[in-house]
Amino acid sequence: MSALAAEALAVPLEWDGRLIVRAAGRPVLHVAGEGITAPAMPMFTVPLECQPDPEQAPGVRPWDGPVTASSLCPACLRSLRGEPEPEQPRLVPTGTTDALPEPAAQPDPRGRHLQAVPDLISYAEAPLPAEHAGHPITWSAWQSSPVLSHYDPSCEWCGDPGPGEMAGGRQGHPTSKTVPFRRFIAYRCTACQEMTAYEQVGSELKTITHHKSRAPKGCNRPEGAR
């Protein structure tokens, strides 16, 4: 059918005599280039308003059904109306960071005030005691504490769910007569840095130092547990 038979178009167009075609595998209708007439063969390749290069144009066939503005190719309509192409989305290179939008000043429909979540406060690492009873202590590196099924790994001070970290220390030598051999162990919370160091005396632990946390009491406990 020709464009003269098109109905229900929202904006009048000056495209008298243009052929309406359907391209294979495309849901919308297209407008053939100016001067294109219905061919003898059912399938052919012709320039379109949205693709004027005949070598790039798709295979099409004439369309004799109803035509509305919503059923036509938007690019064909823009070309016929002389409208500019829509602005293409800006490509952002990988690794580029954009500033986050400012938090909403007004509450959302459910009455909540939306605001940015501040970064968690970090505290200076708890210092291990360098010596005990006048002799230096050699400490291992901090490592994650083991999780025991019958023991709550959460921090007693700030409530961080843990597990925290532990380090082992030693002093003297088993064969030394002047510096007796001692073992030490320390536990710390990685969130608030509360730390206690102990000397291992048989099966008991004797506190030798305690590093008090500067974090507010219970600051990392779940809302329901406070």
Protein backbone atom coordinates (compact mmCIF):
# COMPACT_ATOMS: atom_id res chain seq x y z
CA MET A 1 0.00 0.00 0.00
CA SER A 2 1.13 3.57 -0.45
CA ALA A 3 1.52 6.17 2.26
CA LEU A 4 -1.67 7.83 1.01
CA ALA A 5 -3.61 4.94 2.55
CA ALA A 6 -2.03 5.35 6.00
CA GLU A 7 -4.53 6.28 8.70
CA ALA A 8 -4.56 7.47 12.28
CA LEU A 9 -1.15 9.17 12.14
CA ALA A 10 -0.66 11.62 14.98
CA VAL A 11 1.17 14.23 12.85
CA PRO A 12 0.45 14.89 9.12
CA LEU A 13 3.42 13.93 6.96
CA GLU A 14 4.46 14.97 3.47
CA TRP A 15 5.33 11.57 2.06
CA ASP A 16 2.82 11.10 -0.77
CA GLY A 17 3.39 8.01 -2.83
CA ARG A 18 5.92 6.43 -0.43
CA LEU A 19 5.76 2.63 -0.18
CA ILE A 20 5.13 1.00 3.24
CA VAL A 21 7.16 -2.18 3.68
CA ARG A 22 7.87 -4.81 6.31
CA ALA A 23 11.46 -5.90 6.84
CA ALA A 24 12.15 -9.55 7.56
CA GLY A 25 12.58 -10.25 11.26
CA ARG A 26 11.61 -6.72 12.35
CA PRO A 27 8.39 -5.94 14.23
CA VAL A 28 7.88 -2.39 12.90
CA LEU A 29 6.93 -1.14 9.45
CA HIS A 30 9.28 0.99 7.37
CA VAL A 31 8.92 3.72 4.76
CA ALA A 32 10.72 3.01 1.49
CA GLY A 33 12.96 5.63 -0.05
CA GLU A 34 11.50 8.28 -2.36
CA GLY A 35 10.60 6.96 -5.82
CA ILE A 36 10.54 3.27 -4.79
CA THR A 37 7.57 1.37 -6.25
CA ALA A 38 6.17 -2.09 -5.54
CA PRO A 39 8.36 -4.70 -7.28
CA ALA A 40 7.27 -7.80 -9.13
CA MET A 41 9.09 -10.12 -6.71
CA PRO A 42 7.70 -10.56 -3.20
CA MET A 43 11.12 -10.08 -1.51
CA PHE A 44 13.66 -7.45 -2.46
CA THR A 45 16.18 -5.00 -1.01
CA VAL A 46 15.45 -1.29 -1.24
CA PRO A 47 16.75 1.84 0.50
CA LEU A 48 14.59 2.95 3.43
CA GLU A 49 14.15 6.31 5.10
CA CYS A 50 16.02 4.95 8.12
CA GLN A 51 18.61 3.09 5.99
CA PRO A 52 19.15 4.94 2.68
CA ASP A 53 22.20 2.89 1.65
CA PRO A 54 20.89 0.08 -0.65
CA GLU A 55 23.84 -2.15 0.29
CA GLN A 56 22.95 -1.93 3.98
CA ALA A 57 19.14 -1.99 3.60
CA PRO A 58 17.33 -5.15 4.71
CA GLY A 59 15.21 -7.44 2.57
CA VAL A 60 11.58 -6.24 2.57
CA ARG A 61 8.15 -6.96 1.15
CA PRO A 62 5.21 -4.61 0.50
CA TRP A 63 2.74 -4.17 3.37
CA ASP A 64 -0.98 -3.96 2.66
CA GLY A 65 -2.34 -3.98 6.21
CA PRO A 66 -3.29 -1.13 8.55
CA VAL A 67 -0.69 1.55 9.31
CA THR A 68 -0.51 3.71 12.42
CA ALA A 69 2.19 5.96 13.81
CA SER A 70 2.94 3.44 16.58
CA SER A 71 3.47 0.64 14.02
CA LEU A 72 6.02 2.60 11.96
CA CYS A 73 9.77 2.65 12.49
CA PRO A 74 10.60 5.65 14.76
CA ALA A 75 13.76 6.37 12.74
CA CYS A 76 11.74 6.52 9.50
CA LEU A 77 9.29 8.95 11.10
CA ARG A 78 12.07 11.19 12.41
CA SER A 79 13.65 11.29 8.95
CA LEU A 80 10.36 12.22 7.26
CA ARG A 81 9.62 14.91 9.84
CA GLY A 82 13.14 16.31 9.75
CA GLU A 83 13.65 15.66 13.45
CA PRO A 84 17.15 15.13 14.86
CA GLU A 85 18.35 11.75 16.07
CA PRO A 86 18.03 11.25 19.83
CA GLU A 87 21.14 11.85 21.90
CA GLN A 88 23.15 8.67 22.30
CA PRO A 89 24.03 7.51 25.81
CA ARG A 90 27.44 8.63 27.03
CA LEU A 91 29.99 5.82 27.09
CA VAL A 92 31.96 5.68 30.34
CA PRO A 93 35.41 4.02 30.16
CA THR A 94 36.03 1.07 32.45
CA GLY A 95 37.41 2.13 35.81
CA THR A 96 35.89 5.63 35.70
CA THR A 97 34.04 6.64 38.85
CA ASP A 98 31.14 9.08 38.93
CA ALA A 99 30.07 11.12 41.91
CA LEU A 100 27.12 9.63 43.75
CA PRO A 101 23.93 11.71 43.86
CA GLU A 102 23.22 13.73 46.96
CA PRO A 103 20.90 12.03 49.47
CA ALA A 104 17.23 12.88 49.12
CA ALA A 105 16.15 15.86 51.23
CA GLN A 106 12.54 14.71 51.37
CA PRO A 107 11.24 11.45 52.87
CA ASP A 108 10.23 8.65 50.54
CA PRO A 109 6.52 7.71 50.13
CA ARG A 110 6.73 5.40 53.14
CA GLY A 111 7.82 8.21 55.41
CA ARG A 112 11.48 7.28 55.76
CA HIS A 113 14.18 9.95 55.51
CA LEU A 114 16.79 8.74 53.06
CA GLN A 115 20.38 9.62 53.83
CA ALA A 116 23.87 8.52 52.94
CA VAL A 117 25.35 5.79 55.15
CA PRO A 118 28.61 7.03 56.71
CA ASP A 119 31.75 4.92 56.57
CA LEU A 120 32.43 2.75 59.60
CA ILE A 121 34.77 4.36 62.10
CA SER A 122 38.14 2.65 62.27
CA TYR A 123 40.25 2.58 65.42
CA ALA A 124 44.01 2.38 65.88
CA GLU A 125 45.27 -1.20 66.11
CA ALA A 126 45.64 -2.46 69.67
CA PRO A 127 49.34 -2.65 70.66
CA LEU A 128 50.68 -5.95 71.93
CA PRO A 129 52.84 -5.78 75.08
CA ALA A 130 56.50 -5.68 74.11
CA GLU A 131 57.72 -7.20 77.38
CA HIS A 132 56.63 -8.91 80.57
CA ALA A 133 58.44 -9.39 83.88
CA GLY A 134 61.36 -7.44 82.49
CA HIS A 135 61.91 -9.63 79.43
CA PRO A 136 60.83 -9.07 75.79
CA ILE A 137 58.00 -11.05 74.19
CA THR A 138 58.17 -12.30 70.61
CA TRP A 139 54.69 -12.26 68.99
CA SER A 140 53.37 -14.02 65.90
CA ALA A 141 51.24 -12.23 63.33
CA TRP A 142 47.53 -11.74 64.01
CA GLN A 143 45.32 -14.45 62.53
CA SER A 144 41.59 -15.18 62.57
CA SER A 145 40.39 -16.84 65.76
CA PRO A 146 38.89 -20.33 65.39
CA VAL A 147 35.08 -20.53 65.63
CA LEU A 148 33.83 -22.98 68.25
CA SER A 149 30.25 -24.27 68.21
CA HIS A 150 29.76 -23.70 71.95
CA TYR A 151 31.42 -20.26 72.08
CA ASP A 152 29.95 -16.89 71.01
CA PRO A 153 32.63 -15.15 68.87
CA SER A 154 31.00 -11.71 69.12
CA CYS A 155 32.86 -8.90 70.90
CA GLU A 156 31.72 -8.43 74.51
CA TRP A 157 32.31 -4.68 74.26
CA CYS A 158 31.00 -3.46 70.88
CA GLY A 159 28.96 -6.51 69.81
CA ASP A 160 30.73 -7.07 66.48
CA PRO A 161 29.76 -10.61 65.36
CA GLY A 162 33.41 -11.57 64.86
CA PRO A 163 35.29 -13.76 64.88
CA GLY A 164 38.15 -11.58 66.05
CA GLU A 165 41.87 -12.28 65.78
CA MET A 166 44.47 -13.93 67.97
CA ALA A 167 48.26 -13.87 68.24
CA GLY A 168 50.70 -16.11 70.06
CA GLY A 169 53.79 -14.96 71.98
CA ARG A 170 56.77 -16.55 73.67
CA GLN A 171 59.52 -15.50 76.01
CA GLY A 172 62.79 -17.12 77.03
CA HIS A 173 63.89 -20.64 76.15
CA PRO A 174 63.00 -24.04 77.66
CA THR A 175 66.66 -24.69 78.55
CA SER A 176 67.40 -21.19 79.88
CA LYS A 177 68.10 -20.84 83.61
CA THR A 178 68.01 -17.04 83.62
CA VAL A 179 64.92 -16.35 81.44
CA PRO A 180 62.23 -18.97 82.06
CA PHE A 181 60.19 -20.06 79.05
CA ARG A 182 56.70 -18.54 78.98
CA ARG A 183 53.85 -18.67 76.46
CA PHE A 184 51.37 -15.87 75.82
CA ILE A 185 48.20 -15.43 73.81
CA ALA A 186 46.23 -12.32 72.86
CA TYR A 187 42.75 -11.78 71.48
CA ARG A 188 41.40 -8.64 69.86
CA CYS A 189 38.23 -7.39 68.16
CA THR A 190 38.98 -6.25 64.63
CA ALA A 191 36.12 -3.71 64.77
CA CYS A 192 36.70 -1.78 68.03
CA GLN A 193 40.25 -3.03 68.80
CA GLU A 194 39.53 -4.10 72.38
CA MET A 195 42.41 -6.46 73.19
CA THR A 196 43.48 -8.64 76.10
CA ALA A 197 46.82 -10.44 76.40
CA TYR A 198 47.30 -13.44 78.68
CA GLU A 199 50.13 -15.56 79.98
CA GLN A 200 49.48 -19.30 79.73
CA VAL A 201 50.07 -20.77 83.20
CA GLY A 202 49.34 -24.48 82.95
CA SER A 203 45.74 -24.74 81.76
CA GLU A 204 44.87 -21.26 83.03
CA LEU A 205 45.16 -17.84 81.38
CA LYS A 206 46.53 -14.97 83.47
CA THR A 207 45.80 -11.46 82.20
CA ILE A 208 48.95 -9.38 81.71
CA THR A 209 47.48 -6.39 79.83
CA HIS A 210 44.15 -5.06 78.59
CA HIS A 211 43.71 -2.49 75.81
CA LYS A 212 40.45 -0.63 76.40
CA SER A 213 38.40 0.10 73.26
CA ARG A 214 37.56 3.72 72.39
CA ALA A 215 34.39 2.66 70.55
CA PRO A 216 30.97 3.34 72.14
CA LYS A 217 29.60 0.47 74.18
CA GLY A 218 27.48 -1.90 72.04
CA CYS A 219 27.95 0.22 68.88
CA ASN A 220 28.16 -2.83 66.59
CA ARG A 221 25.40 -4.93 68.10
CA PRO A 222 22.39 -5.80 65.89
CA GLU A 223 19.44 -3.42 66.31
CA GLY A 224 17.28 -6.05 68.02
CA ALA A 225 19.99 -7.00 70.50
CA ARG A 226 20.70 -3.53 71.89
